[in-house]
């Protein structure tokens, strides 16, 4: 790479990369806007677009491992992951933890490597929920937390190094539509944490009863609707 500026010199060239049609895209676009406002040159790189050379790249909401030849295009390559690494690597960690009954969700900013969610941890933080939030509200808090971690990193006087993760840990599997199934023999109150994580359009809640399958959507009612 050529033309890399010293860390404390602006404008730094920053890429914010999302490799799929992810809910996090609006937050990444807002991150680009804020980085640019702060004096750096920032660009959003969407699915199928080429990652150009630069100083720092944030890979948020990505579902593929970034090839080493792409990582070499930036001095620092960073990923946000919502679990207490090394536990909770893999897919949809926020959703899995909410379903498990957690409302205090760890989030890490880590260095991107050739292994999934295995890079050194730069920051550890926590996103707190109250137990009533539905998916859009969950995503909004997590999306803002990712923006905050990225801006915190860029605001450092010197780029902080990460701490190597311990070996082992757990891995969450990829979720699919079947994971949104409700059990008709269990009260809604006992399945609410599953119900509040479903996407009404992409993977709605459903149940089977009397030979048919039914879709169930969920949304909050305004106070004047009650």
Protein backbone atom coordinates (compact mmCIF):
# COMPACT_ATOMS: atom_id res chain seq x y z
CA UNK A 1 0.00 0.00 0.00
CA UNK A 2 1.17 3.49 -0.70
CA UNK A 3 0.15 6.90 0.50
CA UNK A 4 -0.81 5.82 4.03
CA UNK A 5 -0.84 8.85 6.35
CA UNK A 6 0.39 8.79 9.91
CA UNK A 7 -2.41 7.95 12.34
CA UNK A 8 -2.71 11.45 13.79
CA UNK A 9 -2.80 13.15 10.41
CA UNK A 10 -6.10 13.83 8.69
CA UNK A 11 -7.80 13.14 6.46
CA UNK A 12 -7.50 9.40 7.00
CA UNK A 13 -9.15 7.16 4.43
CA UNK A 14 -11.85 5.05 6.08
CA UNK A 15 -14.02 2.36 4.50
CA UNK A 16 -17.24 1.06 6.09
CA UNK A 17 -18.06 -2.29 4.52
CA UNK A 18 -21.30 -4.31 4.53
CA UNK A 19 -21.24 -7.41 2.30
CA UNK A 20 -24.98 -8.21 2.29
CA UNK A 21 -28.44 -6.64 2.47
CA UNK A 22 -28.15 -6.13 6.21
CA UNK A 23 -30.28 -4.20 8.69
CA UNK A 24 -27.05 -2.48 9.81
CA UNK A 25 -26.66 -0.58 6.51
CA UNK A 26 -28.40 2.66 7.63
CA UNK A 27 -26.19 2.79 10.72
CA UNK A 28 -23.08 2.25 8.60
CA UNK A 29 -24.15 5.05 6.27
CA UNK A 30 -24.65 7.31 9.29
CA UNK A 31 -21.20 6.28 10.50
CA UNK A 32 -19.73 7.37 7.15
CA UNK A 33 -21.47 10.72 7.52
CA UNK A 34 -20.14 11.27 11.03
CA UNK A 35 -16.59 10.23 10.09
CA UNK A 36 -16.65 12.67 7.19
CA UNK A 37 -17.99 15.44 9.44
CA UNK A 38 -15.08 14.78 11.80
CA UNK A 39 -12.58 15.46 9.03
CA UNK A 40 -11.67 12.08 7.57
CA UNK A 41 -12.42 10.75 4.09
CA UNK A 42 -15.02 8.01 4.52
CA UNK A 43 -16.88 5.83 2.04
CA UNK A 44 -19.56 3.16 2.27
CA UNK A 45 -18.82 -0.12 0.47
CA UNK A 46 -21.92 -2.20 -0.21
CA UNK A 47 -22.47 -5.76 -1.47
CA UNK A 48 -20.52 -6.50 -4.63
CA UNK A 49 -18.51 -3.28 -4.44
CA UNK A 50 -14.71 -3.21 -4.35
CA UNK A 51 -12.86 -2.27 -1.19
CA UNK A 52 -10.28 0.35 -2.10
CA UNK A 53 -7.00 1.00 -0.30
CA UNK A 54 -7.04 3.16 2.79
CA UNK A 55 -6.12 3.47 6.44
CA UNK A 56 -8.98 1.89 8.40
CA UNK A 57 -11.81 -0.44 7.33
CA UNK A 58 -14.82 -1.34 9.45
CA UNK A 59 -16.57 -4.57 8.45
CA UNK A 60 -20.00 -4.41 10.10
CA UNK A 61 -22.84 -6.88 9.59
CA UNK A 62 -20.76 -8.99 7.21
CA UNK A 63 -21.54 -12.67 6.72
CA UNK A 64 -18.41 -13.69 4.79
CA UNK A 65 -14.80 -13.95 5.85
CA UNK A 66 -12.83 -11.18 4.17
CA UNK A 67 -9.97 -12.61 2.06
CA UNK A 68 -6.42 -11.80 3.22
CA UNK A 69 -5.67 -9.92 0.00
CA UNK A 70 -8.53 -7.54 0.79
CA UNK A 71 -7.43 -7.06 4.41
CA UNK A 72 -4.00 -5.95 3.19
CA UNK A 73 -5.62 -2.89 1.58
CA UNK A 74 -5.96 -1.20 4.98
CA UNK A 75 -3.64 -0.81 7.92
CA UNK A 76 -6.41 -1.69 10.36
CA UNK A 77 -9.46 -3.88 9.71
CA UNK A 78 -12.10 -3.97 12.42
CA UNK A 79 -15.23 -5.99 13.14
CA UNK A 80 -17.99 -5.45 15.72
CA UNK A 81 -19.44 -8.56 17.35
CA UNK A 82 -22.20 -8.69 19.97
CA UNK A 83 -20.97 -11.31 22.41
CA UNK A 84 -18.44 -11.80 25.17
CA UNK A 85 -15.74 -13.28 22.96
CA UNK A 86 -14.45 -15.94 22.73
CA UNK A 87 -17.95 -17.12 23.71
CA UNK A 88 -20.72 -16.50 21.20
CA UNK A 89 -18.79 -16.45 17.95
CA UNK A 90 -20.74 -17.00 14.76
CA UNK A 91 -24.14 -15.84 13.59
CA UNK A 92 -26.83 -13.60 15.11
CA UNK A 93 -25.31 -13.40 18.60
CA UNK A 94 -27.73 -10.66 19.70
CA UNK A 95 -30.77 -12.75 18.76
CA UNK A 96 -29.49 -15.93 20.39
CA UNK A 97 -28.70 -14.15 23.64
CA UNK A 98 -32.06 -12.37 23.80
CA UNK A 99 -33.80 -15.73 23.30
CA UNK A 100 -31.65 -17.14 26.11
CA UNK A 101 -33.12 -14.45 28.37
CA UNK A 102 -30.22 -11.99 28.49
CA UNK A 103 -30.81 -8.24 28.43
CA UNK A 104 -27.19 -7.20 29.04
CA UNK A 105 -25.47 -7.90 25.73
CA UNK A 106 -21.68 -7.61 25.43
CA UNK A 107 -20.25 -6.06 22.27
CA UNK A 108 -16.64 -6.21 21.13
CA UNK A 109 -14.60 -4.35 18.54
CA UNK A 110 -12.01 -6.79 17.23
CA UNK A 111 -9.33 -7.01 14.60
CA UNK A 112 -10.43 -8.88 11.47
CA UNK A 113 -8.43 -12.04 10.75
CA UNK A 114 -8.76 -15.08 8.55
CA UNK A 115 -10.81 -16.86 11.24
CA UNK A 116 -14.39 -16.08 12.25
CA UNK A 117 -14.58 -13.65 15.20
CA UNK A 118 -11.14 -14.74 16.41
CA UNK A 119 -9.12 -11.53 16.22
CA UNK A 120 -7.66 -9.54 19.12
CA UNK A 121 -10.26 -7.63 21.14
CA UNK A 122 -9.73 -3.86 21.13
CA UNK A 123 -12.79 -2.76 23.12
CA UNK A 124 -15.40 -4.51 25.23
CA UNK A 125 -18.66 -2.75 26.00
CA UNK A 126 -22.25 -3.63 26.94
CA UNK A 127 -25.62 -2.81 25.39
CA UNK A 128 -28.44 -2.86 27.95
CA UNK A 129 -32.06 -3.68 27.16
CA UNK A 130 -35.18 -3.62 29.33
CA UNK A 131 -36.81 -6.85 28.18
CA UNK A 132 -39.67 -5.33 26.16
CA UNK A 133 -37.86 -4.22 22.99
CA UNK A 134 -38.88 -5.74 19.67
CA UNK A 135 -36.45 -6.43 16.83
CA UNK A 136 -36.27 -2.89 15.36
CA UNK A 137 -35.54 -1.49 18.81
CA UNK A 138 -32.93 -4.17 19.50
CA UNK A 139 -31.23 -3.43 16.20
CA UNK A 140 -31.35 0.33 16.75
CA UNK A 141 -29.46 0.10 20.05
CA UNK A 142 -26.93 -2.36 18.67
CA UNK A 143 -26.43 -0.36 15.48
CA UNK A 144 -25.73 2.81 17.47
CA UNK A 145 -23.34 0.90 19.73
CA UNK A 146 -21.33 -0.17 16.67
CA UNK A 147 -21.19 3.41 15.43
CA UNK A 148 -19.99 4.56 18.85
CA UNK A 149 -17.20 1.94 18.95
CA UNK A 150 -15.96 2.95 15.50
CA UNK A 151 -15.94 6.65 16.38
CA UNK A 152 -14.19 5.89 19.67
CA UNK A 153 -11.44 4.05 17.80
CA UNK A 154 -10.93 6.88 15.34
CA UNK A 155 -10.82 9.44 18.14
CA UNK A 156 -7.86 7.76 19.85
CA UNK A 157 -4.60 9.68 19.91
CA UNK A 158 -2.87 6.49 18.76
CA UNK A 159 -4.49 3.35 17.29
CA UNK A 160 -4.97 0.93 20.21
CA UNK A 161 -3.78 -2.65 19.96
CA UNK A 162 -6.10 -5.51 20.82
CA UNK A 163 -5.76 -8.29 23.36
CA UNK A 164 -5.59 -11.84 22.06
CA UNK A 165 -8.63 -13.95 22.81
CA UNK A 166 -8.30 -17.08 24.91
CA UNK A 167 -8.71 -20.37 23.10
CA UNK A 168 -11.98 -22.22 22.90
CA UNK A 169 -15.30 -20.50 23.35
CA UNK A 170 -18.71 -21.23 21.89
CA UNK A 171 -20.17 -20.71 18.42
CA UNK A 172 -23.72 -19.73 17.50
CA UNK A 173 -25.13 -21.39 14.36
CA UNK A 174 -26.78 -19.53 11.50
CA UNK A 175 -30.48 -18.91 12.10
CA UNK A 176 -33.11 -19.88 9.56
CA UNK A 177 -36.92 -19.44 9.29
CA UNK A 178 -37.57 -22.62 11.26
CA UNK A 179 -36.07 -20.95 14.33
CA UNK A 180 -39.13 -18.67 14.49
CA UNK A 181 -41.53 -21.50 15.33
CA UNK A 182 -43.70 -21.10 18.42
CA UNK A 183 -44.95 -24.00 20.55
CA UNK A 184 -48.75 -23.87 20.92
CA UNK A 185 -48.52 -25.80 24.20
CA UNK A 186 -46.33 -23.20 25.91
CA UNK A 187 -47.67 -19.82 27.14
CA UNK A 188 -46.74 -16.73 25.11
CA UNK A 189 -45.12 -15.25 28.21
CA UNK A 190 -42.58 -18.08 28.19
CA UNK A 191 -41.84 -17.58 24.48
CA UNK A 192 -41.83 -13.80 24.41
CA UNK A 193 -38.06 -13.50 24.09
CA UNK A 194 -38.25 -15.57 20.91
CA UNK A 195 -41.28 -13.66 19.66
CA UNK A 196 -39.65 -10.26 20.12
CA UNK A 197 -36.67 -11.21 17.95
CA UNK A 198 -38.60 -12.24 14.85
CA UNK A 199 -38.72 -10.19 11.66
CA UNK A 200 -42.38 -9.86 10.63
CA UNK A 201 -41.45 -9.87 6.94
CA UNK A 202 -38.30 -11.94 6.49
CA UNK A 203 -38.70 -14.62 9.17
CA UNK A 204 -42.05 -14.21 10.95
CA UNK A 205 -43.17 -16.22 13.93
CA UNK A 206 -45.40 -19.18 13.06
CA UNK A 207 -47.08 -22.17 14.62
CA UNK A 208 -48.70 -25.39 13.43
CA UNK A 209 -52.20 -26.30 14.67
CA UNK A 210 -54.99 -28.58 13.45
CA UNK A 211 -53.26 -29.45 10.22
CA UNK A 212 -52.38 -25.89 9.17
CA UNK A 213 -49.52 -23.46 9.61
CA UNK A 214 -50.23 -19.91 10.81
CA UNK A 215 -48.09 -16.79 10.71
CA UNK A 216 -48.03 -14.51 13.71
CA UNK A 217 -46.73 -10.93 13.53
CA UNK A 218 -45.90 -8.69 16.47
CA UNK A 219 -45.80 -4.94 16.94
CA UNK A 220 -46.27 -2.55 19.82
CA UNK A 221 -49.52 -0.65 20.16
CA UNK A 222 -49.59 3.08 20.81
CA UNK A 223 -51.14 4.11 24.10
CA UNK A 224 -54.11 5.69 22.31
CA UNK A 225 -54.86 2.34 20.65
CA UNK A 226 -55.47 0.59 23.96
